[in-house]
N, C-alpha and C. Protein backbone atom coordinates (compact mmCIF):
# COMPACT_ATOMS: atom_id res chain seq x y z
N MET A 1 -39.19 134.33 -53.03
CA MET A 1 -38.67 134.74 -51.58
C MET A 1 -38.33 133.04 -51.26
N ARG A 2 -37.11 132.55 -50.75
CA ARG A 2 -36.40 131.32 -50.14
C ARG A 2 -37.00 131.15 -48.73
N LYS A 3 -37.35 129.55 -48.23
CA LYS A 3 -37.27 129.81 -47.13
C LYS A 3 -36.69 129.94 -45.87
N ASN A 4 -34.95 129.86 -46.21
CA ASN A 4 -34.10 130.29 -45.13
C ASN A 4 -33.63 132.21 -45.40
N GLU A 5 -34.76 132.62 -46.24
CA GLU A 5 -34.28 134.19 -45.88
C GLU A 5 -35.69 134.58 -44.55
N THR A 6 -35.28 135.38 -44.02
CA THR A 6 -36.28 135.96 -43.17
C THR A 6 -36.42 137.99 -43.58
N ARG A 7 -37.65 137.81 -44.11
CA ARG A 7 -38.13 139.30 -44.17
C ARG A 7 -38.49 140.27 -42.71
N GLU A 8 -37.90 141.48 -42.30
CA GLU A 8 -38.00 142.15 -41.92
C GLU A 8 -39.00 142.93 -42.27
N THR A 9 -40.11 143.21 -41.27
CA THR A 9 -41.22 143.97 -41.36
C THR A 9 -40.73 145.36 -40.79
N LYS A 10 -40.71 146.66 -41.35
CA LYS A 10 -40.55 147.99 -41.06
C LYS A 10 -41.41 148.19 -40.03
N ARG A 11 -41.18 148.29 -38.63
CA ARG A 11 -41.75 148.92 -37.52
C ARG A 11 -41.89 150.23 -37.05
N TYR A 12 -42.03 151.17 -38.23
CA TYR A 12 -42.31 152.10 -38.14
C TYR A 12 -42.92 153.20 -37.10
N GLY A 13 -44.25 152.03 -37.40
CA GLY A 13 -45.66 152.81 -36.81
C GLY A 13 -45.29 152.40 -35.40
N GLU A 14 -44.85 151.52 -34.55
CA GLU A 14 -44.30 150.88 -33.24
C GLU A 14 -43.70 151.89 -32.68
N ILE A 15 -42.80 151.95 -33.34
CA ILE A 15 -41.78 152.62 -32.76
C ILE A 15 -42.28 154.57 -32.58
N VAL A 16 -42.74 154.94 -33.25
CA VAL A 16 -43.05 156.15 -33.16
C VAL A 16 -44.27 156.57 -31.86
N LEU A 17 -44.93 155.31 -31.95
CA LEU A 17 -46.51 155.66 -30.70
C LEU A 17 -45.48 155.44 -29.74
N CYS A 18 -44.79 154.06 -29.42
CA CYS A 18 -44.05 153.75 -28.29
C CYS A 18 -43.32 155.08 -27.93
N LEU A 19 -42.37 155.64 -28.85
CA LEU A 19 -41.68 156.83 -28.22
C LEU A 19 -42.10 158.21 -28.18
N ALA A 20 -43.47 158.37 -28.78
CA ALA A 20 -43.98 159.32 -28.22
C ALA A 20 -44.61 159.50 -26.60
N GLY A 21 -45.54 158.28 -26.69
CA GLY A 21 -46.26 157.57 -25.24
C GLY A 21 -44.65 157.73 -24.18
N GLY A 22 -44.03 157.08 -24.32
CA GLY A 22 -42.68 157.51 -23.39
C GLY A 22 -42.20 158.75 -23.06
N LEU A 23 -41.98 159.19 -24.41
CA LEU A 23 -41.43 160.94 -23.72
C LEU A 23 -42.61 161.49 -23.12
N ILE A 24 -43.99 161.31 -23.10
CA ILE A 24 -44.54 161.99 -22.29
C ILE A 24 -45.18 161.53 -21.37
N GLY A 25 -44.56 160.07 -20.96
CA GLY A 25 -44.66 159.65 -19.57
C GLY A 25 -43.06 159.89 -18.98
N LEU A 26 -42.26 159.95 -19.82
CA LEU A 26 -41.17 160.84 -18.84
C LEU A 26 -41.47 162.35 -18.64
N MET A 27 -41.96 162.98 -19.41
CA MET A 27 -42.30 164.63 -18.92
C MET A 27 -43.39 164.86 -17.73
N VAL A 28 -44.60 163.59 -18.23
CA VAL A 28 -45.01 163.50 -16.29
C VAL A 28 -44.67 163.11 -15.39
N ALA A 29 -43.32 162.30 -15.62
CA ALA A 29 -43.08 161.64 -14.74
C ALA A 29 -41.90 162.63 -13.82
N LEU A 30 -41.75 163.51 -14.44
CA LEU A 30 -40.71 164.89 -14.29
C LEU A 30 -41.78 165.95 -13.79
N LEU A 31 -42.89 166.45 -14.46
CA LEU A 31 -43.33 167.36 -13.89
C LEU A 31 -44.41 166.86 -12.22
N GLU A 32 -44.45 165.38 -12.01
CA GLU A 32 -44.89 164.83 -11.25
C GLU A 32 -44.20 165.17 -9.58
N GLN A 33 -42.57 164.67 -10.16
CA GLN A 33 -41.79 164.62 -9.49
C GLN A 33 -41.99 166.23 -8.85
N THR A 34 -41.48 167.05 -9.65
CA THR A 34 -40.75 168.27 -8.78
C THR A 34 -42.47 169.10 -8.67
N ALA A 35 -43.71 168.23 -8.82
CA ALA A 35 -44.67 168.79 -7.80
C ALA A 35 -44.93 168.25 -6.49
N ASN A 36 -44.84 167.12 -6.41
CA ASN A 36 -44.48 165.94 -5.21
C ASN A 36 -43.18 166.70 -4.43
N ASN A 37 -42.30 166.89 -4.63
CA ASN A 37 -40.91 167.28 -4.50
C ASN A 37 -41.37 168.38 -3.48
N ALA A 38 -41.88 169.44 -4.26
CA ALA A 38 -42.08 171.10 -3.74
C ALA A 38 -42.98 170.85 -2.49
N VAL A 39 -43.89 170.27 -2.77
CA VAL A 39 -45.23 170.19 -1.47
C VAL A 39 -44.32 169.65 -0.29
N GLN A 40 -43.63 167.99 -0.39
CA GLN A 40 -42.73 167.51 0.61
C GLN A 40 -42.09 168.54 1.07
N PHE A 41 -41.46 169.14 0.32
CA PHE A 41 -39.90 169.79 0.97
C PHE A 41 -40.98 170.84 2.02
N GLU A 42 -41.85 171.40 1.46
CA GLU A 42 -42.73 172.35 2.64
C GLU A 42 -42.92 171.86 4.08
N MET A 43 -43.15 170.55 3.71
CA MET A 43 -43.78 169.69 4.81
C MET A 43 -42.61 169.36 5.67
N GLY A 44 -41.38 169.52 5.46
CA GLY A 44 -39.98 168.87 5.92
C GLY A 44 -39.79 167.26 5.95
N ASP A 45 -40.41 166.24 5.37
CA ASP A 45 -40.11 165.58 4.82
C ASP A 45 -40.02 165.37 3.66
N ALA A 46 -39.04 165.44 2.94
CA ALA A 46 -38.42 165.37 1.33
C ALA A 46 -38.08 164.10 1.28
N VAL A 47 -38.40 163.53 -0.20
CA VAL A 47 -37.42 162.70 -0.34
C VAL A 47 -36.74 162.48 -1.84
N PRO A 48 -35.98 161.79 -1.98
CA PRO A 48 -34.91 161.96 -3.11
C PRO A 48 -36.32 161.80 -4.46
N ILE A 49 -36.83 160.95 -4.47
CA ILE A 49 -37.86 160.63 -5.43
C ILE A 49 -38.99 159.56 -5.20
N ASP A 50 -39.97 160.34 -5.71
CA ASP A 50 -41.15 159.32 -5.26
C ASP A 50 -41.57 158.07 -6.22
N GLY A 51 -42.12 157.24 -5.29
CA GLY A 51 -42.42 155.95 -5.69
C GLY A 51 -43.14 155.92 -7.22
N ARG A 52 -44.14 156.47 -7.33
CA ARG A 52 -45.00 156.45 -8.41
C ARG A 52 -44.03 157.13 -9.42
N ALA A 53 -43.55 158.15 -9.51
CA ALA A 53 -42.70 158.84 -10.65
C ALA A 53 -41.52 157.99 -11.04
N PHE A 54 -41.03 157.45 -10.25
CA PHE A 54 -39.59 156.43 -10.57
C PHE A 54 -40.52 155.48 -11.29
N GLY A 55 -41.56 154.68 -11.19
CA GLY A 55 -42.12 153.75 -11.52
C GLY A 55 -42.71 154.18 -12.95
N LEU A 56 -42.94 155.38 -13.02
CA LEU A 56 -43.74 155.86 -14.24
C LEU A 56 -42.34 155.84 -15.69
N MET A 57 -40.96 156.78 -14.44
CA MET A 57 -40.03 156.51 -15.30
C MET A 57 -39.39 155.16 -15.82
N ILE A 58 -39.71 154.08 -14.93
CA ILE A 58 -38.88 153.18 -15.38
C ILE A 58 -40.14 152.68 -16.44
N ALA A 59 -41.25 152.62 -16.67
CA ALA A 59 -42.35 152.18 -17.74
C ALA A 59 -41.93 152.84 -18.87
N ALA A 60 -41.63 154.18 -18.66
CA ALA A 60 -41.73 154.94 -20.23
C ALA A 60 -40.23 154.76 -20.87
N ILE A 61 -38.91 154.03 -19.87
CA ILE A 61 -37.80 154.03 -20.68
C ILE A 61 -38.01 152.39 -21.20
N PHE A 62 -38.60 151.54 -20.60
CA PHE A 62 -38.58 150.18 -21.26
C PHE A 62 -39.70 150.69 -22.46
N ALA A 63 -40.86 151.66 -22.33
CA ALA A 63 -41.68 151.84 -23.66
C ALA A 63 -41.12 152.44 -24.73
N ILE A 64 -39.74 152.97 -24.43
CA ILE A 64 -39.02 153.62 -25.54
C ILE A 64 -37.82 152.78 -26.18
N CYS A 65 -37.27 152.37 -25.11
CA CYS A 65 -36.63 150.79 -25.62
C CYS A 65 -37.10 149.62 -26.51
N LEU A 66 -37.84 149.38 -25.43
CA LEU A 66 -38.79 147.71 -26.53
C LEU A 66 -39.22 147.53 -28.06
N PRO A 67 -39.45 148.65 -28.45
CA PRO A 67 -39.93 148.69 -29.79
C PRO A 67 -39.14 148.30 -31.25
N PHE A 68 -37.90 148.40 -30.40
CA PHE A 68 -36.66 148.38 -31.38
C PHE A 68 -36.23 147.11 -31.42
N PHE A 69 -36.76 145.99 -30.35
CA PHE A 69 -36.24 144.79 -30.37
C PHE A 69 -37.55 143.63 -30.90
N MET A 70 -38.69 144.74 -31.87
CA MET A 70 -39.78 143.76 -32.17
C MET A 70 -39.47 142.94 -33.08
N ASN A 71 -38.94 143.19 -34.14
CA ASN A 71 -38.55 141.70 -34.97
C ASN A 71 -38.05 140.41 -34.21
N ASP A 72 -37.21 140.58 -33.11
CA ASP A 72 -36.70 139.37 -32.94
C ASP A 72 -37.31 138.74 -31.79
N ASN A 73 -38.06 139.21 -31.20
CA ASN A 73 -39.60 138.37 -30.27
C ASN A 73 -40.44 138.91 -30.21
N ARG A 74 -41.79 139.09 -31.05
CA ARG A 74 -42.57 139.70 -31.55
C ARG A 74 -43.49 139.63 -29.94
N THR A 75 -43.72 138.42 -29.44
CA THR A 75 -44.56 138.52 -28.54
C THR A 75 -43.98 138.77 -27.44
N VAL A 76 -42.98 138.48 -26.70
CA VAL A 76 -42.55 138.81 -25.65
C VAL A 76 -42.54 140.39 -25.41
N VAL A 77 -42.03 141.04 -26.91
CA VAL A 77 -41.98 142.41 -26.54
C VAL A 77 -43.54 143.37 -26.39
N ILE A 78 -44.20 142.28 -27.41
CA ILE A 78 -45.67 143.19 -27.54
C ILE A 78 -46.31 142.90 -25.83
N THR A 79 -46.33 141.92 -25.23
CA THR A 79 -46.48 141.73 -24.06
C THR A 79 -45.87 142.32 -22.94
N ALA A 80 -44.54 143.12 -22.89
CA ALA A 80 -44.06 143.51 -22.20
C ALA A 80 -44.24 145.40 -22.48
N LEU A 81 -45.03 145.55 -23.86
CA LEU A 81 -45.56 146.94 -23.89
C LEU A 81 -46.55 147.37 -23.72
N TYR A 82 -47.16 145.65 -23.09
CA TYR A 82 -48.66 145.53 -22.73
C TYR A 82 -48.60 146.05 -21.50
N ILE A 83 -47.90 145.63 -20.60
CA ILE A 83 -47.37 145.70 -19.29
C ILE A 83 -46.97 147.18 -19.27
N CYS A 84 -45.95 147.75 -19.70
CA CYS A 84 -45.18 149.14 -19.60
C CYS A 84 -46.58 149.86 -19.22
N GLY A 85 -47.60 149.50 -20.39
CA GLY A 85 -48.62 150.78 -20.96
C GLY A 85 -49.47 150.57 -19.41
N ALA A 86 -49.89 149.77 -18.97
CA ALA A 86 -50.38 149.41 -17.72
C ALA A 86 -50.08 150.04 -16.57
N PHE A 87 -48.91 149.86 -16.90
CA PHE A 87 -48.00 150.16 -15.71
C PHE A 87 -48.09 151.69 -15.12
N ALA A 88 -47.90 152.68 -16.64
CA ALA A 88 -47.69 153.84 -16.77
C ALA A 88 -48.86 154.83 -16.32
N ILE A 89 -50.29 153.75 -16.59
CA ILE A 89 -51.66 154.15 -16.36
C ILE A 89 -51.43 153.94 -14.78
N ILE A 90 -51.30 153.09 -14.36
CA ILE A 90 -51.31 152.81 -12.76
C ILE A 90 -50.43 154.23 -12.32
N CYS A 91 -49.16 153.95 -12.59
CA CYS A 91 -48.16 154.85 -11.54
C CYS A 91 -48.25 156.46 -11.61
N GLY A 92 -48.94 156.79 -13.09
CA GLY A 92 -49.21 158.54 -13.52
C GLY A 92 -50.44 158.94 -13.27
N GLY A 93 -51.27 158.09 -13.05
CA GLY A 93 -52.33 158.31 -12.81
C GLY A 93 -53.38 159.37 -14.08
N LEU A 94 -54.00 159.99 -13.80
CA LEU A 94 -54.64 160.93 -15.16
C LEU A 94 -53.98 161.74 -15.98
N PRO A 95 -52.81 162.08 -15.44
CA PRO A 95 -52.05 162.85 -16.63
C PRO A 95 -51.70 161.70 -17.42
N ALA A 96 -51.04 160.81 -16.67
CA ALA A 96 -50.37 159.75 -17.79
C ALA A 96 -51.16 158.82 -18.83
N ILE A 97 -52.53 159.11 -18.48
CA ILE A 97 -53.41 158.12 -19.24
C ILE A 97 -52.95 158.38 -20.48
N ILE A 98 -52.45 159.40 -21.55
CA ILE A 98 -52.50 159.32 -22.66
C ILE A 98 -50.80 158.66 -22.97
N SER A 99 -50.51 158.73 -22.00
CA SER A 99 -48.68 158.00 -22.00
C SER A 99 -48.98 156.43 -22.28
N GLY A 100 -49.82 155.93 -21.29
CA GLY A 100 -50.10 154.36 -21.31
C GLY A 100 -50.84 154.29 -22.42
N ALA A 101 -51.99 155.18 -22.84
CA ALA A 101 -52.58 154.61 -23.99
C ALA A 101 -51.68 154.54 -25.68
N LEU A 102 -51.01 155.62 -25.69
CA LEU A 102 -50.36 155.59 -26.72
C LEU A 102 -49.15 154.45 -26.75
N ILE A 103 -48.42 154.04 -25.31
CA ILE A 103 -47.89 153.05 -25.40
C ILE A 103 -48.46 151.32 -25.76
N MET A 104 -50.16 151.18 -25.54
CA MET A 104 -51.20 150.44 -25.94
C MET A 104 -51.18 150.16 -27.09
N VAL A 105 -51.67 151.87 -27.42
CA VAL A 105 -52.00 151.69 -29.62
C VAL A 105 -50.71 151.02 -30.11
N GLY A 106 -49.66 151.60 -30.01
CA GLY A 106 -48.47 151.17 -30.61
C GLY A 106 -48.07 149.83 -30.44
N ALA A 107 -48.39 148.60 -29.20
CA ALA A 107 -48.66 147.37 -29.04
C ALA A 107 -49.79 146.31 -29.67
N THR A 108 -50.66 147.57 -29.59
CA THR A 108 -51.63 146.67 -30.71
C THR A 108 -51.46 146.55 -32.18
N VAL A 109 -51.05 147.74 -32.50
CA VAL A 109 -50.82 147.86 -33.68
C VAL A 109 -49.29 146.98 -34.34
N GLY A 110 -48.37 146.47 -33.16
CA GLY A 110 -47.48 145.43 -33.66
C GLY A 110 -47.93 144.07 -33.60
N LEU A 111 -48.90 144.00 -32.87
CA LEU A 111 -49.73 142.62 -32.71
C LEU A 111 -50.43 142.40 -34.02
N PHE A 112 -50.99 143.98 -34.90
CA PHE A 112 -52.01 143.25 -35.82
C PHE A 112 -51.34 143.19 -36.99
N ARG A 113 -49.97 143.64 -36.83
CA ARG A 113 -48.75 143.60 -38.11
C ARG A 113 -48.04 142.15 -38.10
N ALA A 114 -47.86 141.65 -39.13
CA ALA A 114 -47.13 140.30 -39.49
C ALA A 114 -45.74 140.50 -39.48
């Protein structure tokens, strides 16, 4: 291979792991939002969206989109995926541990693949 040719690595493992983590995170955020909204509606102080559920949705959406840019700038994307995984665990609580763990495993796989 010549010096000026770039070889793009197939990133199927990272994409699948981060997609799975992001989709689970979105489902957890939706379930969390509907449960919290029902309780708040009974109390009389319902809000359009809970802050923790919104944070989990944002982290899950970024985790779904970021792995597709892994070949462009790997270190920035991996760092952002670790942040998204930690943010998903913090915002989602106990049900979102699976989501955050899958996102972080996807980032770790991307870190160790050249």
